[in-house]
C-alpha atoms as a PDB file:
ATOM      1  CA  MET A   1     -15.840 -50.049 -88.074  1.00  0.00           C
ATOM      2  CA  THR A   2     -15.186 -53.185 -86.017  1.00  0.00           C
ATOM      3  CA  LYS A   3     -11.717 -51.892 -85.099  1.00  0.00           C
ATOM      4  CA  ARG A   4     -13.254 -48.650 -83.775  1.00  0.00           C
ATOM      5  CA  ILE A   5     -15.775 -50.542 -81.650  1.00  0.00           C
ATOM      6  CA  LEU A   6     -13.070 -52.827 -80.243  1.00  0.00           C
ATOM      7  CA  ALA A   7     -10.850 -49.807 -79.538  1.00  0.00           C
ATOM      8  CA  ALA A   8     -13.712 -48.054 -77.727  1.00  0.00           C
ATOM      9  CA  ILE A   9     -14.411 -51.163 -75.634  1.00  0.00           C
ATOM     10  CA  ALA A  10     -10.716 -51.536 -74.772  1.00  0.00           C
ATOM     11  CA  CYS A  11     -10.510 -47.850 -73.829  1.00  0.00           C
ATOM     12  CA  ALA A  12     -13.620 -48.076 -71.642  1.00  0.00           C
ATOM     13  CA  ALA A  13     -12.278 -51.198 -69.916  1.00  0.00           C
ATOM     14  CA  THR A  14      -8.950 -49.464 -69.299  1.00  0.00           C
ATOM     15  CA  LEU A  15     -10.665 -46.399 -67.831  1.00  0.00           C
ATOM     16  CA  CYS A  16     -12.800 -48.577 -65.542  1.00  0.00           C
ATOM     17  CA  ALA A  17      -9.738 -50.497 -64.374  1.00  0.00           C
ATOM     18  CA  ALA A  18      -7.904 -47.254 -63.660  1.00  0.00           C
ATOM     19  CA  ALA A  19     -10.850 -45.954 -61.633  1.00  0.00           C
ATOM     20  CA  GLN A  20     -10.907 -49.163 -59.585  1.00  0.00           C
ATOM     21  CA  ALA A  21      -7.196 -48.756 -58.811  1.00  0.00           C
ATOM     22  CA  THR A  22      -7.774 -45.465 -56.981  1.00  0.00           C
ATOM     23  CA  PRO A  23      -7.835 -45.914 -53.183  1.00  0.00           C
ATOM     24  CA  ALA A  24     -11.195 -45.176 -51.580  1.00  0.00           C
ATOM     25  CA  ALA A  25      -9.590 -43.345 -48.626  1.00  0.00           C
ATOM     26  CA  ASN A  26      -6.293 -42.499 -47.009  1.00  0.00           C
ATOM     27  CA  TYR A  27      -5.454 -45.546 -44.889  1.00  0.00           C
ATOM     28  CA  THR A  28      -2.110 -44.215 -43.621  1.00  0.00           C
ATOM     29  CA  ASP A  29      -1.804 -45.267 -39.984  1.00  0.00           C
ATOM     30  CA  LEU A  30      -0.659 -47.932 -37.573  1.00  0.00           C
ATOM     31  CA  TRP A  31      -2.821 -51.075 -37.677  1.00  0.00           C
ATOM     32  CA  PHE A  32      -2.987 -54.018 -35.271  1.00  0.00           C
ATOM     33  CA  ASN A  33      -5.169 -56.657 -33.657  1.00  0.00           C
ATOM     34  CA  PRO A  34      -5.788 -55.712 -29.991  1.00  0.00           C
ATOM     35  CA  ASN A  35      -6.160 -59.410 -29.097  1.00  0.00           C
ATOM     36  CA  GLU A  36      -2.669 -60.222 -30.414  1.00  0.00           C
ATOM     37  CA  SER A  37      -0.161 -58.149 -28.506  1.00  0.00           C
ATOM     38  CA  GLY A  38       3.260 -57.331 -29.888  1.00  0.00           C
ATOM     39  CA  TRP A  39       2.863 -57.089 -33.648  1.00  0.00           C
ATOM     40  CA  GLY A  40       1.364 -54.608 -36.065  1.00  0.00           C
ATOM     41  CA  LEU A  41       1.338 -53.087 -39.505  1.00  0.00           C
ATOM     42  CA  SER A  42       2.485 -49.605 -40.428  1.00  0.00           C
ATOM     43  CA  PHE A  43       0.781 -48.475 -43.634  1.00  0.00           C
ATOM     44  CA  THR A  44       1.696 -45.308 -45.524  1.00  0.00           C
ATOM     45  CA  GLN A  45       0.080 -44.072 -48.726  1.00  0.00           C
ATOM     46  CA  HIS A  46       1.993 -41.691 -50.952  1.00  0.00           C
ATOM     47  CA  ALA A  47      -0.109 -38.681 -51.912  1.00  0.00           C
ATOM     48  CA  GLY A  48      -1.007 -38.445 -55.574  1.00  0.00           C
ATOM     49  CA  SER A  49       0.653 -41.682 -56.692  1.00  0.00           C
ATOM     50  CA  ASN A  50      -1.572 -44.531 -55.437  1.00  0.00           C
ATOM     51  CA  GLN A  51       1.608 -46.158 -54.105  1.00  0.00           C
ATOM     52  CA  ALA A  52       1.960 -47.422 -50.561  1.00  0.00           C
ATOM     53  CA  TYR A  53       4.596 -48.710 -48.162  1.00  0.00           C
ATOM     54  CA  ALA A  54       3.806 -51.230 -45.442  1.00  0.00           C
ATOM     55  CA  VAL A  55       5.916 -52.718 -42.676  1.00  0.00           C
ATOM     56  CA  TRP A  56       4.754 -55.787 -40.800  1.00  0.00           C
ATOM     57  CA  TYR A  57       6.338 -55.797 -37.356  1.00  0.00           C
ATOM     58  CA  THR A  58       6.251 -59.387 -36.182  1.00  0.00           C
ATOM     59  CA  TYR A  59       8.430 -61.974 -34.477  1.00  0.00           C
ATOM     60  CA  ASP A  60      11.095 -64.037 -36.185  1.00  0.00           C
ATOM     61  CA  PRO A  61      10.299 -67.738 -35.741  1.00  0.00           C
ATOM     62  CA  ARG A  62      13.976 -68.546 -36.484  1.00  0.00           C
ATOM     63  CA  GLU A  63      15.541 -66.707 -33.554  1.00  0.00           C
ATOM     64  CA  THR A  64      14.912 -66.345 -29.859  1.00  0.00           C
ATOM     65  CA  GLY A  65      16.444 -63.665 -27.710  1.00  0.00           C
ATOM     66  CA  SER A  66      18.116 -64.025 -24.334  1.00  0.00           C
ATOM     67  CA  THR A  67      14.697 -64.031 -22.626  1.00  0.00           C
ATOM     68  CA  GLY A  68      13.520 -66.968 -24.722  1.00  0.00           C
ATOM     69  CA  ASN A  69      11.163 -64.786 -26.748  1.00  0.00           C
ATOM     70  CA  ASN A  70      11.392 -64.502 -30.517  1.00  0.00           C
ATOM     71  CA  LYS A  71      13.381 -61.569 -31.882  1.00  0.00           C
ATOM     72  CA  PRO A  72      11.653 -58.893 -33.953  1.00  0.00           C
ATOM     73  CA  LEU A  73      11.295 -59.340 -37.710  1.00  0.00           C
ATOM     74  CA  TRP A  74      10.248 -56.596 -40.095  1.00  0.00           C
ATOM     75  CA  ILE A  75       8.829 -57.602 -43.454  1.00  0.00           C
ATOM     76  CA  VAL A  76       8.170 -54.759 -45.893  1.00  0.00           C
ATOM     77  CA  MET A  77       6.008 -54.122 -48.931  1.00  0.00           C
ATOM     78  CA  THR A  78       7.170 -51.324 -51.190  1.00  0.00           C
ATOM     79  CA  GLY A  79       4.795 -50.168 -53.873  1.00  0.00           C
ATOM     80  CA  GLY A  80       1.893 -52.522 -54.263  1.00  0.00           C
ATOM     81  CA  THR A  81      -1.051 -52.468 -56.627  1.00  0.00           C
ATOM     82  CA  TRP A  82      -4.546 -51.319 -55.725  1.00  0.00           C
ATOM     83  CA  THR A  83      -6.643 -54.137 -57.178  1.00  0.00           C
ATOM     84  CA  SER A  84      -9.812 -52.355 -56.046  1.00  0.00           C
ATOM     85  CA  PRO A  85     -10.486 -49.076 -54.190  1.00  0.00           C
ATOM     86  CA  THR A  86     -10.149 -50.949 -50.884  1.00  0.00           C
ATOM     87  CA  THR A  87      -7.577 -53.681 -51.607  1.00  0.00           C
ATOM     88  CA  ILE A  88      -3.841 -53.437 -52.168  1.00  0.00           C
ATOM     89  CA  THR A  89      -1.470 -56.317 -52.922  1.00  0.00           C
ATOM     90  CA  GLY A  90       2.291 -56.241 -53.199  1.00  0.00           C
ATOM     91  CA  THR A  91       5.540 -58.141 -52.963  1.00  0.00           C
ATOM     92  CA  ALA A  92       6.883 -58.683 -49.450  1.00  0.00           C
ATOM     93  CA  TYR A  93      10.605 -58.424 -48.700  1.00  0.00           C
ATOM     94  CA  VAL A  94      12.907 -59.218 -45.802  1.00  0.00           C
ATOM     95  CA  ALA A  95      15.684 -56.658 -45.493  1.00  0.00           C
ATOM     96  CA  ASN A  96      18.651 -55.983 -43.274  1.00  0.00           C
ATOM     97  CA  GLY A  97      21.645 -53.686 -43.313  1.00  0.00           C
ATOM     98  CA  MET A  98      23.654 -51.167 -41.365  1.00  0.00           C
ATOM     99  CA  PRO A  99      21.900 -48.806 -38.962  1.00  0.00           C
ATOM    100  CA  PHE A 100      21.159 -45.462 -40.592  1.00  0.00           C
ATOM    101  CA  ASN A 101      23.746 -43.665 -38.464  1.00  0.00           C
ATOM    102  CA  GLN A 102      26.666 -45.911 -39.420  1.00  0.00           C
ATOM    103  CA  PRO A 103      28.761 -45.330 -42.543  1.00  0.00           C
ATOM    104  CA  GLY A 104      28.721 -47.836 -45.362  1.00  0.00           C
ATOM    105  CA  SER A 105      25.899 -49.860 -46.737  1.00  0.00           C
ATOM    106  CA  ASN A 106      25.366 -53.571 -46.886  1.00  0.00           C
ATOM    107  CA  LEU A 107      21.621 -53.514 -47.454  1.00  0.00           C
ATOM    108  CA  ARG A 108      20.254 -56.881 -48.489  1.00  0.00           C
ATOM    109  CA  ILE A 109      16.665 -57.229 -49.588  1.00  0.00           C
ATOM    110  CA  THR A 110      15.044 -60.521 -50.560  1.00  0.00           C
ATOM    111  CA  PRO A 111      11.531 -61.046 -51.959  1.00  0.00           C
ATOM    112  CA  VAL A 112       9.735 -63.592 -49.783  1.00  0.00           C
ATOM    113  CA  GLY A 113       6.088 -63.516 -50.822  1.00  0.00           C
ATOM    114  CA  SER A 114       3.183 -61.111 -50.729  1.00  0.00           C
ATOM    115  CA  PHE A 115       0.894 -58.987 -48.595  1.00  0.00           C
ATOM    116  CA  THR A 116      -2.725 -58.106 -49.252  1.00  0.00           C
ATOM    117  CA  VAL A 117      -4.628 -55.566 -47.193  1.00  0.00           C
ATOM    118  CA  ASN A 118      -8.380 -55.417 -47.708  1.00  0.00           C
ATOM    119  CA  PHE A 119      -9.786 -52.340 -45.952  1.00  0.00           C
ATOM    120  CA  THR A 120     -13.325 -53.287 -44.950  1.00  0.00           C
ATOM    121  CA  THR A 121     -14.041 -49.836 -43.449  1.00  0.00           C
ATOM    122  CA  ALA A 122     -11.952 -46.724 -42.769  1.00  0.00           C
ATOM    123  CA  SER A 123     -10.882 -48.258 -39.452  1.00  0.00           C
ATOM    124  CA  THR A 124     -10.919 -52.048 -40.008  1.00  0.00           C
ATOM    125  CA  ALA A 125      -9.163 -54.359 -42.446  1.00  0.00           C
ATOM    126  CA  GLN A 126      -8.088 -57.894 -43.229  1.00  0.00           C
ATOM    127  CA  PHE A 127      -4.319 -58.375 -43.526  1.00  0.00           C
ATOM    128  CA  SER A 128      -3.271 -61.469 -45.497  1.00  0.00           C
ATOM    129  CA  TYR A 129       0.281 -62.659 -45.932  1.00  0.00           C
ATOM    130  CA  ASN A 130       1.932 -65.477 -47.799  1.00  0.00           C
ATOM    131  CA  ILE A 131       5.634 -65.754 -46.945  1.00  0.00           C
ATOM    132  CA  SER A 132       7.934 -68.358 -48.472  1.00  0.00           C
ATOM    133  CA  ALA A 133      11.656 -67.652 -48.798  1.00  0.00           C
ATOM    134  CA  PRO A 134      13.251 -68.748 -52.062  1.00  0.00           C
ATOM    135  CA  SER A 135      15.444 -71.841 -51.920  1.00  0.00           C
ATOM    136  CA  GLY A 136      19.201 -71.735 -52.284  1.00  0.00           C
ATOM    137  CA  LEU A 137      19.823 -68.593 -50.225  1.00  0.00           C
ATOM    138  CA  SER A 138      23.192 -68.104 -48.579  1.00  0.00           C
ATOM    139  CA  PRO A 139      23.312 -68.073 -44.769  1.00  0.00           C
ATOM    140  CA  ALA A 140      24.187 -64.353 -44.986  1.00  0.00           C
ATOM    141  CA  ASP A 141      20.840 -63.554 -46.644  1.00  0.00           C
ATOM    142  CA  PRO A 142      18.229 -62.028 -44.291  1.00  0.00           C
ATOM    143  CA  ALA A 143      15.611 -64.518 -45.521  1.00  0.00           C
ATOM    144  CA  TYR A 144      17.814 -67.589 -45.104  1.00  0.00           C
ATOM    145  CA  ASN A 145      15.925 -70.439 -43.433  1.00  0.00           C
ATOM    146  CA  LEU A 146      12.750 -68.359 -42.997  1.00  0.00           C
ATOM    147  CA  PRO A 147       9.870 -70.833 -42.668  1.00  0.00           C
ATOM    148  CA  ASN A 148       6.710 -70.606 -44.722  1.00  0.00           C
ATOM    149  CA  MET A 149       4.104 -68.412 -43.051  1.00  0.00           C
ATOM    150  CA  SER A 150       0.633 -67.606 -44.304  1.00  0.00           C
ATOM    151  CA  GLY A 151      -2.593 -66.403 -42.820  1.00  0.00           C
ATOM    152  CA  THR A 152      -5.169 -63.652 -42.499  1.00  0.00           C
ATOM    153  CA  LYS A 153      -5.549 -61.354 -39.524  1.00  0.00           C
ATOM    154  CA  SER A 154      -8.302 -58.905 -38.667  1.00  0.00           C
ATOM    155  CA  ILE A 155      -6.735 -55.532 -37.918  1.00  0.00           C
ATOM    156  CA  GLN A 156      -7.900 -52.091 -36.875  1.00  0.00           C
ATOM    157  CA  ARG A 157      -6.453 -48.608 -36.739  1.00  0.00           C
ATOM    158  CA  GLN A 158      -4.446 -47.882 -33.623  1.00  0.00           C
ATOM    159  CA  SER A 159      -6.279 -45.110 -31.830  1.00  0.00           C
ATOM    160  CA  PHE A 160      -4.271 -42.636 -29.827  1.00  0.00           C
END
């Protein structure tokens, strides 16, 4: 009898957790902070799978271009886990490789931390990031010498 009760409780807890992992809305869009020009977040949900893909377009603190400005840096989150109907967290990666129109492939992808996006409404969110490249990377690795970066930014949908 006790085993049946424990099994029922475990099943109910599992069902509740699964319900919480379903996104509350489709948040696919471009997101940014209008007071912080030049960076943004592209967020794409995959229909029917609760999976998402995010790209943080920011500036690379390691490199400056010929104008003295930092070069672009894209940090991606593939997959992620919906920890509530409005919050997704996932591993962040730095990647580089050949342009899509060139033959061959030398794609390198390195895990560098995590992203969390907490959608406070259908058009506003809090974007949190915690980036810390692993030690011992070769200079050829896209995350080599990437400094630690962490913070939270208020973002909103880009309206067109």
